Amino acid sequence: MIFVEDIDFRTWAKGMLGKHTLDAGFGQFASILQWVCWKRGVYFDKVEKDYTSQVCPQCDAHTGKKELKDRVHYCPECGYTTHRDIAAAQVIRNRGVCALLSQRGRKCLWRQSGGDCATV
């Protein structure tokens, strides 16, 4: 399974590095990745992009906005500590798995299970 953030690159390109962002072909990478997953029989889905670096992957608590210099994710609720990029990737994975379960008619109980995606 592969999950990616559903980013609107047209909006992202309006920033300071807009031309460079469009030249780099980030959006095309996602399209090619989706095609390769389809060709290989790997599940691919896009998940909500909002607050992936501000949510704890273990307890789903909102930990607040971090500056770029802050490279460590620390949750004051459960004490989980890891690199902030790893934490964001885990949040994306959690959202993807829960979305997949809800598509199949099962309820994802991420918070209540202490980090393991339990189903009902």
PDB file of N, CA and C in Angstrom:
ATOM      1  N   MET A   1       0.835  -1.171   0.000  1.00  0.00           N
ATOM      2  CA  MET A   1       0.000   0.000   0.000  1.00  0.00           C
ATOM      3  C   MET A   1       0.883   1.238   0.000  1.00  0.00           C
ATOM      4  N   ILE A   2       0.485   2.204  -0.789  1.00  0.00           N
ATOM      5  CA  ILE A   2       1.188   3.488  -0.827  1.00  0.00           C
ATOM      6  C   ILE A   2       0.152   4.596  -0.668  1.00  0.00           C
ATOM      7  N   PHE A   3       0.427   5.491   0.276  1.00  0.00           N
ATOM      8  CA  PHE A   3      -0.436   6.637   0.514  1.00  0.00           C
ATOM      9  C   PHE A   3       0.390   7.912   0.370  1.00  0.00           C
ATOM     10  N   VAL A   4      -0.187   8.915  -0.277  1.00  0.00           N
ATOM     11  CA  VAL A   4       0.466  10.220  -0.431  1.00  0.00           C
ATOM     12  C   VAL A   4      -0.525  11.314  -0.045  1.00  0.00           C
ATOM     13  N   GLU A   5       0.028  12.485   0.294  1.00  0.00           N
ATOM     14  CA  GLU A   5      -0.825  13.619   0.610  1.00  0.00           C
ATOM     15  C   GLU A   5      -1.480  14.143  -0.665  1.00  0.00           C
ATOM     16  N   ASP A   6      -2.716  14.552  -0.554  1.00  0.00           N
ATOM     17  CA  ASP A   6      -3.443  15.121  -1.683  1.00  0.00           C
ATOM     18  C   ASP A   6      -3.148  16.622  -1.750  1.00  0.00           C
ATOM     19  N   ILE A   7      -2.051  16.972  -2.400  1.00  0.00           N
ATOM     20  CA  ILE A   7      -1.590  18.356  -2.466  1.00  0.00           C
ATOM     21  C   ILE A   7      -2.004  18.971  -3.797  1.00  0.00           C
ATOM     22  N   ASP A   8      -2.564  20.180  -3.731  1.00  0.00           N
ATOM     23  CA  ASP A   8      -2.896  20.932  -4.937  1.00  0.00           C
ATOM     24  C   ASP A   8      -1.676  21.764  -5.314  1.00  0.00           C
ATOM     25  N   PHE A   9      -0.925  21.303  -6.296  1.00  0.00           N
ATOM     26  CA  PHE A   9       0.331  21.951  -6.653  1.00  0.00           C
ATOM     27  C   PHE A   9       0.119  23.296  -7.339  1.00  0.00           C
ATOM     28  N   ARG A  10      -1.065  23.535  -7.870  1.00  0.00           N
ATOM     29  CA  ARG A  10      -1.330  24.857  -8.454  1.00  0.00           C
ATOM     30  C   ARG A  10      -1.341  25.921  -7.366  1.00  0.00           C
ATOM     31  N   THR A  11      -1.900  25.603  -6.211  1.00  0.00           N
ATOM     32  CA  THR A  11      -1.902  26.538  -5.083  1.00  0.00           C
ATOM     33  C   THR A  11      -0.499  26.668  -4.504  1.00  0.00           C
ATOM     34  N   TRP A  12       0.198  25.552  -4.396  1.00  0.00           N
ATOM     35  CA  TRP A  12       1.542  25.528  -3.851  1.00  0.00           C
ATOM     36  C   TRP A  12       2.491  26.356  -4.716  1.00  0.00           C
ATOM     37  N   ALA A  13       2.251  26.382  -6.025  1.00  0.00           N
ATOM     38  CA  ALA A  13       3.133  27.070  -6.969  1.00  0.00           C
ATOM     39  C   ALA A  13       2.995  28.586  -6.913  1.00  0.00           C
ATOM     40  N   LYS A  14       2.022  29.100  -6.190  1.00  0.00           N
ATOM     41  CA  LYS A  14       1.849  30.545  -6.083  1.00  0.00           C
ATOM     42  C   LYS A  14       2.805  31.168  -5.077  1.00  0.00           C
ATOM     43  N   GLY A  15       3.573  30.351  -4.394  1.00  0.00           N
ATOM     44  CA  GLY A  15       4.515  30.835  -3.390  1.00  0.00           C
ATOM     45  C   GLY A  15       5.783  31.376  -4.012  1.00  0.00           C
ATOM     46  N   MET A  16       6.787  31.575  -3.162  1.00  0.00           N
ATOM     47  CA  MET A  16       8.032  32.192  -3.566  1.00  0.00           C
ATOM     48  C   MET A  16       8.799  31.350  -4.603  1.00  0.00           C
ATOM     49  N   LEU A  17       8.746  30.042  -4.487  1.00  0.00           N
ATOM     50  CA  LEU A  17       9.473  29.166  -5.407  1.00  0.00           C
ATOM     51  C   LEU A  17       8.528  28.511  -6.417  1.00  0.00           C
ATOM     52  N   GLY A  18       7.494  29.227  -6.815  1.00  0.00           N
ATOM     53  CA  GLY A  18       6.455  28.669  -7.673  1.00  0.00           C
ATOM     54  C   GLY A  18       6.944  28.102  -8.978  1.00  0.00           C
ATOM     55  N   LYS A  19       7.738  28.864  -9.709  1.00  0.00           N
ATOM     56  CA  LYS A  19       8.222  28.405 -11.009  1.00  0.00           C
ATOM     57  C   LYS A  19       9.078  27.161 -10.856  1.00  0.00           C
ATOM     58  N   HIS A  20       9.907  27.139  -9.839  1.00  0.00           N
ATOM     59  CA  HIS A  20      10.777  25.993  -9.618  1.00  0.00           C
ATOM     60  C   HIS A  20       9.977  24.757  -9.221  1.00  0.00           C
ATOM     61  N   THR A  21       8.903  24.966  -8.473  1.00  0.00           N
ATOM     62  CA  THR A  21       8.047  23.859  -8.078  1.00  0.00           C
ATOM     63  C   THR A  21       7.388  23.230  -9.296  1.00  0.00           C
ATOM     64  N   LEU A  22       6.884  24.059 -10.188  1.00  0.00           N
ATOM     65  CA  LEU A  22       6.233  23.540 -11.387  1.00  0.00           C
ATOM     66  C   LEU A  22       7.235  22.880 -12.321  1.00  0.00           C
ATOM     67  N   ASP A  23       8.453  23.413 -12.385  1.00  0.00           N
ATOM     68  CA  ASP A  23       9.473  22.821 -13.243  1.00  0.00           C
ATOM     69  C   ASP A  23       9.915  21.455 -12.734  1.00  0.00           C
ATOM     70  N   ALA A  24       9.886  21.269 -11.426  1.00  0.00           N
ATOM     71  CA  ALA A  24      10.372  20.018 -10.846  1.00  0.00           C
ATOM     72  C   ALA A  24       9.429  18.847 -11.120  1.00  0.00           C
ATOM     73  N   GLY A  25       8.172  19.099 -11.427  1.00  0.00           N
ATOM     74  CA  GLY A  25       7.249  18.041 -11.800  1.00  0.00           C
ATOM     75  C   GLY A  25       6.762  17.190 -10.640  1.00  0.00           C
ATOM     76  N   PHE A  26       6.531  17.809  -9.464  1.00  0.00           N
ATOM     77  CA  PHE A  26       6.049  17.050  -8.312  1.00  0.00           C
ATOM     78  C   PHE A  26       4.698  16.402  -8.600  1.00  0.00           C
ATOM     79  N   GLY A  27       3.808  17.141  -9.244  1.00  0.00           N
ATOM     80  CA  GLY A  27       2.485  16.602  -9.560  1.00  0.00           C
ATOM     81  C   GLY A  27       2.560  15.435 -10.516  1.00  0.00           C
ATOM     82  N   GLN A  28       3.473  15.522 -11.472  1.00  0.00           N
ATOM     83  CA  GLN A  28       3.629  14.429 -12.428  1.00  0.00           C
ATOM     84  C   GLN A  28       4.193  13.186 -11.742  1.00  0.00           C
ATOM     85  N   PHE A  29       5.037  13.395 -10.738  1.00  0.00           N
ATOM     86  CA  PHE A  29       5.558  12.248  -9.982  1.00  0.00           C
ATOM     87  C   PHE A  29       4.424  11.465  -9.343  1.00  0.00           C
ATOM     88  N   ALA A  30       3.459  12.161  -8.745  1.00  0.00           N
ATOM     89  CA  ALA A  30       2.330  11.485  -8.105  1.00  0.00           C
ATOM     90  C   ALA A  30       1.504  10.716  -9.141  1.00  0.00           C
ATOM     91  N   SER A  31       1.330  11.298 -10.317  1.00  0.00           N
ATOM     92  CA  SER A  31       0.571  10.621 -11.373  1.00  0.00           C
ATOM     93  C   SER A  31       1.294   9.367 -11.862  1.00  0.00           C
ATOM     94  N   ILE A  32       2.604   9.470 -12.029  1.00  0.00           N
ATOM     95  CA  ILE A  32       3.387   8.312 -12.472  1.00  0.00           C
ATOM     96  C   ILE A  32       3.376   7.233 -11.397  1.00  0.00           C
ATOM     97  N   LEU A  33       3.503   7.648 -10.129  1.00  0.00           N
ATOM     98  CA  LEU A  33       3.474   6.691  -9.026  1.00  0.00           C
ATOM     99  C   LEU A  33       2.138   5.955  -8.973  1.00  0.00           C
ATOM    100  N   GLN A  34       1.051   6.672  -9.194  1.00  0.00           N
ATOM    101  CA  GLN A  34      -0.267   6.047  -9.209  1.00  0.00           C
ATOM    102  C   GLN A  34      -0.372   5.028 -10.337  1.00  0.00           C
ATOM    103  N   TRP A  35       0.149   5.360 -11.506  1.00  0.00           N
ATOM    104  CA  TRP A  35       0.103   4.446 -12.643  1.00  0.00           C
ATOM    105  C   TRP A  35       0.939   3.197 -12.375  1.00  0.00           C
ATOM    106  N   VAL A  36       2.140   3.379 -11.820  1.00  0.00           N
ATOM    107  CA  VAL A  36       3.011   2.238 -11.528  1.00  0.00           C
ATOM    108  C   VAL A  36       2.369   1.326 -10.483  1.00  0.00           C
ATOM    109  N   CYS A  37       1.725   1.918  -9.491  1.00  0.00           N
ATOM    110  CA  CYS A  37       1.022   1.107  -8.489  1.00  0.00           C
ATOM    111  C   CYS A  37      -0.092   0.299  -9.132  1.00  0.00           C
ATOM    112  N   TRP A  38      -0.843   0.922 -10.023  1.00  0.00           N
ATOM    113  CA  TRP A  38      -1.916   0.207 -10.723  1.00  0.00           C
ATOM    114  C   TRP A  38      -1.330  -0.941 -11.547  1.00  0.00           C
ATOM    115  N   LYS A  39      -0.247  -0.674 -12.237  1.00  0.00           N
ATOM    116  CA  LYS A  39       0.383  -1.677 -13.094  1.00  0.00           C
ATOM    117  C   LYS A  39       0.913  -2.863 -12.286  1.00  0.00           C
ATOM    118  N   ARG A  40       1.422  -2.613 -11.110  1.00  0.00           N
ATOM    119  CA  ARG A  40       2.010  -3.653 -10.254  1.00  0.00           C
ATOM    120  C   ARG A  40       1.006  -4.282  -9.290  1.00  0.00           C
ATOM    121  N   GLY A  41      -0.224  -3.759  -9.255  1.00  0.00           N
ATOM    122  CA  GLY A  41      -1.239  -4.304  -8.355  1.00  0.00           C
ATOM    123  C   GLY A  41      -1.067  -3.863  -6.910  1.00  0.00           C
ATOM    124  N   VAL A  42      -0.460  -2.689  -6.708  1.00  0.00           N
ATOM    125  CA  VAL A  42      -0.251  -2.140  -5.373  1.00  0.00           C
ATOM    126  C   VAL A  42      -1.332  -1.105  -5.109  1.00  0.00           C
ATOM    127  N   TYR A  43      -1.925  -1.140  -3.917  1.00  0.00           N
ATOM    128  CA  TYR A  43      -2.972  -0.183  -3.574  1.00  0.00           C
ATOM    129  C   TYR A  43      -2.366   1.197  -3.415  1.00  0.00           C
ATOM    130  N   PHE A  44      -2.981   2.224  -4.038  1.00  0.00           N
ATOM    131  CA  PHE A  44      -2.522   3.611  -3.995  1.00  0.00           C
ATOM    132  C   PHE A  44      -3.709   4.494  -3.663  1.00  0.00           C
ATOM    133  N   ASP A  45      -3.502   5.463  -2.768  1.00  0.00           N
ATOM    134  CA  ASP A  45      -4.573   6.396  -2.454  1.00  0.00           C
ATOM    135  C   ASP A  45      -3.973   7.705  -1.965  1.00  0.00           C
ATOM    136  N   LYS A  46      -4.716   8.781  -2.154  1.00  0.00           N
ATOM    137  CA  LYS A  46      -4.333  10.095  -1.645  1.00  0.00           C
ATOM    138  C   LYS A  46      -5.144  10.369  -0.391  1.00  0.00           C
ATOM    139  N   VAL A  47      -4.499  10.972   0.611  1.00  0.00           N
ATOM    140  CA  VAL A  47      -5.164  11.267   1.876  1.00  0.00           C
ATOM    141  C   VAL A  47      -5.115  12.767   2.132  1.00  0.00           C
ATOM    142  N   GLU A  48      -5.930  13.203   3.083  1.00  0.00           N
ATOM    143  CA  GLU A  48      -6.015  14.619   3.437  1.00  0.00           C
ATOM    144  C   GLU A  48      -4.647  15.116   3.905  1.00  0.00           C
ATOM    145  N   LYS A  49      -4.243  16.271   3.415  1.00  0.00           N
ATOM    146  CA  LYS A  49      -2.916  16.800   3.697  1.00  0.00           C
ATOM    147  C   LYS A  49      -2.846  17.667   4.951  1.00  0.00           C
ATOM    148  N   ASP A  50      -3.968  18.095   5.471  1.00  0.00           N
ATOM    149  CA  ASP A  50      -3.980  19.087   6.539  1.00  0.00           C
ATOM    150  C   ASP A  50      -3.430  18.538   7.858  1.00  0.00           C
ATOM    151  N   TYR A  51      -2.508  19.295   8.443  1.00  0.00           N
ATOM    152  CA  TYR A  51      -1.969  19.062   9.785  1.00  0.00           C
ATOM    153  C   TYR A  51      -1.215  17.750   9.950  1.00  0.00           C
ATOM    154  N   THR A  52      -0.617  17.221   8.893  1.00  0.00           N
ATOM    155  CA  THR A  52       0.107  15.956   9.046  1.00  0.00           C
ATOM    156  C   THR A  52       1.337  16.106   9.933  1.00  0.00           C
ATOM    157  N   SER A  53       1.931  17.289   9.999  1.00  0.00           N
ATOM    158  CA  SER A  53       3.106  17.478  10.856  1.00  0.00           C
ATOM    159  C   SER A  53       2.732  18.030  12.226  1.00  0.00           C
ATOM    160  N   GLN A  54       1.429  18.237  12.481  1.00  0.00           N
ATOM    161  CA  GLN A  54       0.996  18.803  13.751  1.00  0.00           C
ATOM    162  C   GLN A  54       0.165  17.835  14.581  1.00  0.00           C
ATOM    163  N   VAL A  55       0.060  16.596  14.148  1.00  0.00           N
ATOM    164  CA  VAL A  55      -0.747  15.597  14.847  1.00  0.00           C
ATOM    165  C   VAL A  55       0.165  14.449  15.281  1.00  0.00           C
ATOM    166  N   CYS A  56      -0.072  13.936  16.468  1.00  0.00           N
ATOM    167  CA  CYS A  56       0.717  12.807  16.971  1.00  0.00           C
ATOM    168  C   CYS A  56       0.227  11.514  16.313  1.00  0.00           C
ATOM    169  N   PRO A  57       1.129  10.713  15.741  1.00  0.00           N
ATOM    170  CA  PRO A  57       0.696   9.467  15.117  1.00  0.00           C
ATOM    171  C   PRO A  57       0.260   8.394  16.114  1.00  0.00           C
ATOM    172  N   GLN A  58       0.636   8.529  17.374  1.00  0.00           N
ATOM    173  CA  GLN A  58       0.272   7.526  18.379  1.00  0.00           C
ATOM    174  C   GLN A  58      -1.098   7.780  18.991  1.00  0.00           C
ATOM    175  N   CYS A  59      -1.349   9.041  19.421  1.00  0.00           N
ATOM    176  CA  CYS A  59      -2.600   9.307  20.144  1.00  0.00           C
ATOM    177  C   CYS A  59      -3.520  10.276  19.414  1.00  0.00           C
ATOM    178  N   ASP A  60      -3.123  10.775  18.258  1.00  0.00           N
ATOM    179  CA  ASP A  60      -3.920  11.667  17.416  1.00  0.00           C
ATOM    180  C   ASP A  60      -4.165  13.028  18.066  1.00  0.00           C
ATOM    181  N   ALA A  61      -3.316  13.421  19.011  1.00  0.00           N
ATOM    182  CA  ALA A  61      -3.453  14.726  19.666  1.00  0.00           C
ATOM    183  C   ALA A  61      -2.796  15.794  18.803  1.00  0.00           C
ATOM    184  N   HIS A  62      -3.371  16.991  18.822  1.00  0.00           N
ATOM    185  CA  HIS A  62      -2.800  18.115  18.087  1.00  0.00           C
ATOM    186  C   HIS A  62      -1.637  18.679  18.895  1.00  0.00           C
ATOM    187  N   THR A  63      -0.424  18.633  18.344  1.00  0.00           N
ATOM    188  CA  THR A  63       0.773  19.040  19.079  1.00  0.00           C
ATOM    189  C   THR A  63       1.210  20.461  18.772  1.00  0.00           C
ATOM    190  N   GLY A  64       0.563  21.123  17.830  1.00  0.00           N
ATOM    191  CA  GLY A  64       0.902  22.508  17.508  1.00  0.00           C
ATOM    192  C   GLY A  64       1.858  22.632  16.345  1.00  0.00           C
ATOM    193  N   LYS A  65       1.930  23.845  15.831  1.00  0.00           N
ATOM    194  CA  LYS A  65       2.763  24.130  14.671  1.00  0.00           C
ATOM    195  C   LYS A  65       4.240  24.121  15.071  1.00  0.00           C
ATOM    196  N   LYS A  66       5.065  23.569  14.178  1.00  0.00           N
ATOM    197  CA  LYS A  66       6.498  23.516  14.414  1.00  0.00           C
ATOM    198  C   LYS A  66       7.211  24.385  13.392  1.00  0.00           C
ATOM    199  N   GLU A  67       8.312  24.975  13.782  1.00  0.00           N
ATOM    200  CA  GLU A  67       9.145  25.707  12.838  1.00  0.00           C
ATOM    201  C   GLU A  67      10.038  24.716  12.102  1.00  0.00           C
ATOM    202  N   LEU A  68      10.607  25.142  10.972  1.00  0.00           N
ATOM    203  CA  LEU A  68      11.459  24.241  10.205  1.00  0.00           C
ATOM    204  C   LEU A  68      12.683  23.786  10.986  1.00  0.00           C
ATOM    205  N   LYS A  69      13.160  24.612  11.891  1.00  0.00           N
ATOM    206  CA  LYS A  69      14.340  24.231  12.673  1.00  0.00           C
ATOM    207  C   LYS A  69      14.019  23.148  13.701  1.00  0.00           C
ATOM    208  N   ASP A  70      12.754  22.972  14.050  1.00  0.00           N
ATOM    209  CA  ASP A  70      12.350  21.935  14.999  1.00  0.00           C
ATOM    210  C   ASP A  70      12.244  20.612  14.255  1.00  0.00           C
ATOM    211  N   ARG A  71      13.209  19.729  14.460  1.00  0.00           N
ATOM    212  CA  ARG A  71      13.272  18.479  13.707  1.00  0.00           C
ATOM    213  C   ARG A  71      12.736  17.277  14.479  1.00  0.00           C
ATOM    214  N   VAL A  72      12.339  17.488  15.733  1.00  0.00           N
ATOM    215  CA  VAL A  72      11.863  16.383  16.562  1.00  0.00           C
ATOM    216  C   VAL A  72      10.390  16.585  16.887  1.00  0.00           C
ATOM    217  N   HIS A  73       9.611  15.523  16.731  1.00  0.00           N
ATOM    218  CA  HIS A  73       8.211  15.530  17.138  1.00  0.00           C
ATOM    219  C   HIS A  73       8.142  15.013  18.567  1.00  0.00           C
ATOM    220  N   TYR A  74       7.519  15.788  19.429  1.00  0.00           N
ATOM    221  CA  TYR A  74       7.290  15.358  20.813  1.00  0.00           C
ATOM    222  C   TYR A  74       5.831  15.614  21.156  1.00  0.00           C
ATOM    223  N   CYS A  75       5.153  14.602  21.652  1.00  0.00           N
ATOM    224  CA  CYS A  75       3.749  14.734  22.045  1.00  0.00           C
ATOM    225  C   CYS A  75       3.657  14.884  23.560  1.00  0.00           C
ATOM    226  N   PRO A  76       3.119  16.003  24.041  1.00  0.00           N
ATOM    227  CA  PRO A  76       2.969  16.167  25.484  1.00  0.00           C
ATOM    228  C   PRO A  76       1.875  15.267  26.079  1.00  0.00           C
ATOM    229  N   GLU A  77       0.976  14.772  25.242  1.00  0.00           N
ATOM    230  CA  GLU A  77      -0.122  13.925  25.729  1.00  0.00           C
ATOM    231  C   GLU A  77       0.359  12.511  26.069  1.00  0.00           C
ATOM    232  N   CYS A  78       1.060  11.879  25.122  1.00  0.00           N
ATOM    233  CA  CYS A  78       1.466  10.480  25.332  1.00  0.00           C
ATOM    234  C   CYS A  78       2.971  10.307  25.483  1.00  0.00           C
ATOM    235  N   GLY A  79       3.748  11.361  25.213  1.00  0.00           N
ATOM    236  CA  GLY A  79       5.195  11.292  25.373  1.00  0.00           C
ATOM    237  C   GLY A  79       5.932  10.697  24.186  1.00  0.00           C
ATOM    238  N   TYR A  80       5.246  10.462  23.081  1.00  0.00           N
ATOM    239  CA  TYR A  80       5.878   9.863  21.892  1.00  0.00           C
ATOM    240  C   TYR A  80       6.869  10.843  21.286  1.00  0.00           C
ATOM    241  N   THR A  81       8.091  10.373  21.002  1.00  0.00           N
ATOM    242  CA  THR A  81       9.138  11.206  20.424  1.00  0.00           C
ATOM    243  C   THR A  81       9.740  10.495  19.227  1.00  0.00           C
ATOM    244  N   THR A  82       9.875  11.234  18.121  1.00  0.00           N
ATOM    245  CA  THR A  82      10.519  10.712  16.919  1.00  0.00           C
ATOM    246  C   THR A  82      10.875  11.894  16.021  1.00  0.00           C
ATOM    247  N   HIS A  83      11.520  11.621  14.907  1.00  0.00           N
ATOM    248  CA  HIS A  83      11.822  12.663  13.936  1.00  0.00           C
ATOM    249  C   HIS A  83      10.512  13.162  13.339  1.00  0.00           C
ATOM    250  N   ARG A  84      10.409  14.451  13.095  1.00  0.00           N
ATOM    251  CA  ARG A  84       9.128  15.015  12.652  1.00  0.00           C
ATOM    252  C   ARG A  84       8.683  14.477  11.300  1.00  0.00           C
ATOM    253  N   ASP A  85       9.623  14.155  10.399  1.00  0.00           N
ATOM    254  CA  ASP A  85       9.248  13.601   9.097  1.00  0.00           C
ATOM    255  C   ASP A  85       8.699  12.183   9.239  1.00  0.00           C
ATOM    256  N   ILE A  86       9.270  11.422  10.150  1.00  0.00           N
ATOM    257  CA  ILE A  86       8.766  10.068  10.415  1.00  0.00           C
ATOM    258  C   ILE A  86       7.352  10.146  10.988  1.00  0.00           C
ATOM    259  N   ALA A  87       7.145  11.079  11.906  1.00  0.00           N
ATOM    260  CA  ALA A  87       5.812  11.241  12.506  1.00  0.00           C
ATOM    261  C   ALA A  87       4.783  11.628  11.446  1.00  0.00           C
ATOM    262  N   ALA A  88       5.144  12.543  10.544  1.00  0.00           N
ATOM    263  CA  ALA A  88       4.215  12.944   9.476  1.00  0.00           C
ATOM    264  C   ALA A  88       3.904  11.770   8.558  1.00  0.00           C
ATOM    265  N   ALA A  89       4.913  10.968   8.234  1.00  0.00           N
ATOM    266  CA  ALA A  89       4.686   9.791   7.387  1.00  0.00           C
ATOM    267  C   ALA A  89       3.767   8.792   8.085  1.00  0.00           C
ATOM    268  N   GLN A  90       3.922   8.642   9.396  1.00  0.00           N
ATOM    269  CA  GLN A  90       3.059   7.732  10.143  1.00  0.00           C
ATOM    270  C   GLN A  90       1.620   8.234  10.178  1.00  0.00           C
ATOM    271  N   VAL A  91       1.437   9.551  10.259  1.00  0.00           N
ATOM    272  CA  VAL A  91       0.087  10.131  10.231  1.00  0.00           C
ATOM    273  C   VAL A  91      -0.555   9.863   8.868  1.00  0.00           C
ATOM    274  N   ILE A  92       0.209  10.024   7.799  1.00  0.00           N
ATOM    275  CA  ILE A  92      -0.310   9.762   6.446  1.00  0.00           C
ATOM    276  C   ILE A  92      -0.695   8.294   6.319  1.00  0.00           C
ATOM    277  N   ARG A  93       0.144   7.407   6.821  1.00  0.00           N
ATOM    278  CA  ARG A  93      -0.179   5.971   6.795  1.00  0.00           C
ATOM    279  C   ARG A  93      -1.451   5.679   7.575  1.00  0.00           C
ATOM    280  N   ASN A  94      -1.567   6.244   8.767  1.00  0.00           N
ATOM    281  CA  ASN A  94      -2.753   6.014   9.599  1.00  0.00           C
ATOM    282  C   ASN A  94      -4.021   6.480   8.895  1.00  0.00           C
ATOM    283  N   ARG A  95      -3.956   7.659   8.292  1.00  0.00           N
ATOM    284  CA  ARG A  95      -5.131   8.181   7.575  1.00  0.00           C
ATOM    285  C   ARG A  95      -5.485   7.302   6.389  1.00  0.00           C
ATOM    286  N   GLY A  96      -4.475   6.811   5.687  1.00  0.00           N
ATOM    287  CA  GLY A  96      -4.729   5.952   4.537  1.00  0.00           C
ATOM    288  C   GLY A  96      -5.357   4.635   4.933  1.00  0.00           C
ATOM    289  N   VAL A  97      -4.837   4.014   5.982  1.00  0.00           N
ATOM    290  CA  VAL A  97      -5.384   2.735   6.438  1.00  0.00           C
ATOM    291  C   VAL A  97      -6.813   2.912   6.926  1.00  0.00           C
ATOM    292  N   CYS A  98      -7.071   3.976   7.671  1.00  0.00           N
ATOM    293  CA  CYS A  98      -8.432   4.222   8.161  1.00  0.00           C
ATOM    294  C   CYS A  98      -9.393   4.514   7.006  1.00  0.00           C
ATOM    295  N   ALA A  99      -8.934   5.256   6.003  1.00  0.00           N
ATOM    296  CA  ALA A  99      -9.777   5.526   4.832  1.00  0.00           C
ATOM    297  C   ALA A  99     -10.084   4.233   4.079  1.00  0.00           C
ATOM    298  N   LEU A 100      -9.098   3.376   3.950  1.00  0.00           N
ATOM    299  CA  LEU A 100      -9.295   2.097   3.270  1.00  0.00           C
ATOM    300  C   LEU A 100     -10.289   1.228   4.030  1.00  0.00           C
ATOM    301  N   LEU A 101     -10.178   1.195   5.346  1.00  0.00           N
ATOM    302  CA  LEU A 101     -11.113   0.410   6.144  1.00  0.00           C
ATOM    303  C   LEU A 101     -12.533   0.953   6.050  1.00  0.00           C
ATOM    304  N   SER A 102     -12.662   2.286   6.044  1.00  0.00           N
ATOM    305  CA  SER A 102     -14.009   2.856   5.948  1.00  0.00           C
ATOM    306  C   SER A 102     -14.621   2.611   4.572  1.00  0.00           C
ATOM    307  N   GLN A 103     -13.788   2.536   3.534  1.00  0.00           N
ATOM    308  CA  GLN A 103     -14.305   2.206   2.195  1.00  0.00           C
ATOM    309  C   GLN A 103     -14.855   0.789   2.165  1.00  0.00           C
ATOM    310  N   ARG A 104     -14.293  -0.067   2.975  1.00  0.00           N
ATOM    311  CA  ARG A 104     -14.717  -1.469   2.997  1.00  0.00           C
ATOM    312  C   ARG A 104     -15.783  -1.738   4.047  1.00  0.00           C
ATOM    313  N   GLY A 105     -16.350  -0.652   4.608  1.00  0.00           N
ATOM    314  CA  GLY A 105     -17.457  -0.800   5.544  1.00  0.00           C
ATOM    315  C   GLY A 105     -17.052  -1.141   6.955  1.00  0.00           C
ATOM    316  N   ARG A 106     -15.795  -0.933   7.296  1.00  0.00           N
ATOM    317  CA  ARG A 106     -15.326  -1.207   8.653  1.00  0.00           C
ATOM    318  C   ARG A 106     -14.968   0.110   9.318  1.00  0.00           C
ATOM    319  N   LYS A 107     -15.103   0.162  10.615  1.00  0.00           N
ATOM    320  CA  LYS A 107     -14.822   1.380  11.354  1.00  0.00           C
ATOM    321  C   LYS A 107     -13.408   1.310  11.924  1.00  0.00           C
ATOM    322  N   CYS A 108     -12.647   2.358  11.729  1.00  0.00           N
ATOM    323  CA  CYS A 108     -11.278   2.424  12.231  1.00  0.00           C
ATOM    324  C   CYS A 108     -11.283   3.097  13.600  1.00  0.00           C
ATOM    325  N   LEU A 109     -10.758   2.415  14.585  1.00  0.00           N
ATOM    326  CA  LEU A 109     -10.719   2.942  15.952  1.00  0.00           C
ATOM    327  C   LEU A 109      -9.272   3.272  16.323  1.00  0.00           C
ATOM    328  N   TRP A 110      -8.694   4.253  15.654  1.00  0.00           N
ATOM    329  CA  TRP A 110      -7.278   4.533  15.851  1.00  0.00           C
ATOM    330  C   TRP A 110      -6.980   5.021  17.265  1.00  0.00           C
ATOM    331  N   ARG A 111      -7.713   6.005  17.742  1.00  0.00           N
ATOM    332  CA  ARG A 111      -7.441   6.584  19.058  1.00  0.00           C
ATOM    333  C   ARG A 111      -7.667   5.593  20.192  1.00  0.00           C
ATOM    334  N   GLN A 112      -8.756   4.844  20.121  1.00  0.00           N
ATOM    335  CA  GLN A 112      -9.123   3.974  21.219  1.00  0.00           C
ATOM    336  C   GLN A 112      -8.202   2.780  21.341  1.00  0.00           C
ATOM    337  N   SER A 113      -7.465   2.435  20.287  1.00  0.00           N
ATOM    338  CA  SER A 113      -6.664   1.220  20.330  1.00  0.00           C
ATOM    339  C   SER A 113      -5.221   1.481  20.729  1.00  0.00           C
ATOM    340  N   GLY A 114      -4.878   2.725  21.051  1.00  0.00           N
ATOM    341  CA  GLY A 114      -3.524   3.015  21.495  1.00  0.00           C
ATOM    342  C   GLY A 114      -2.490   2.974  20.394  1.00  0.00           C
ATOM    343  N   GLY A 115      -2.883   3.290  19.173  1.00  0.00           N
ATOM    344  CA  GLY A 115      -1.911   3.356  18.089  1.00  0.00           C
ATOM    345  C   GLY A 115      -2.044   2.253  17.068  1.00  0.00           C
ATOM    346  N   ASP A 116      -2.637   1.128  17.413  1.00  0.00           N
ATOM    347  CA  ASP A 116      -2.840   0.063  16.446  1.00  0.00           C
ATOM    348  C   ASP A 116      -4.232   0.220  15.857  1.00  0.00           C
ATOM    349  N   CYS A 117      -4.337   0.132  14.552  1.00  0.00           N
ATOM    350  CA  CYS A 117      -5.607   0.385  13.888  1.00  0.00           C
ATOM    351  C   CYS A 117      -6.528  -0.814  14.074  1.00  0.00           C
ATOM    352  N   ALA A 118      -7.350  -0.761  15.075  1.00  0.00           N
ATOM    353  CA  ALA A 118      -8.325  -1.811  15.331  1.00  0.00           C
ATOM    354  C   ALA A 118      -9.563  -1.573  14.465  1.00  0.00           C
ATOM    355  N   THR A 119     -10.270  -2.620  14.159  1.00  0.00           N
ATOM    356  CA  THR A 119     -11.479  -2.496  13.335  1.00  0.00           C
ATOM    357  C   THR A 119     -12.674  -3.058  14.072  1.00  0.00           C
ATOM    358  N   VAL A 120     -13.829  -2.577  13.644  1.00  0.00           N
ATOM    359  CA  VAL A 120     -15.085  -3.083  14.204  1.00  0.00           C
ATOM    360  C   VAL A 120     -15.923  -3.607  13.062  1.00  0.00           C
TER     361      VAL A 120
END
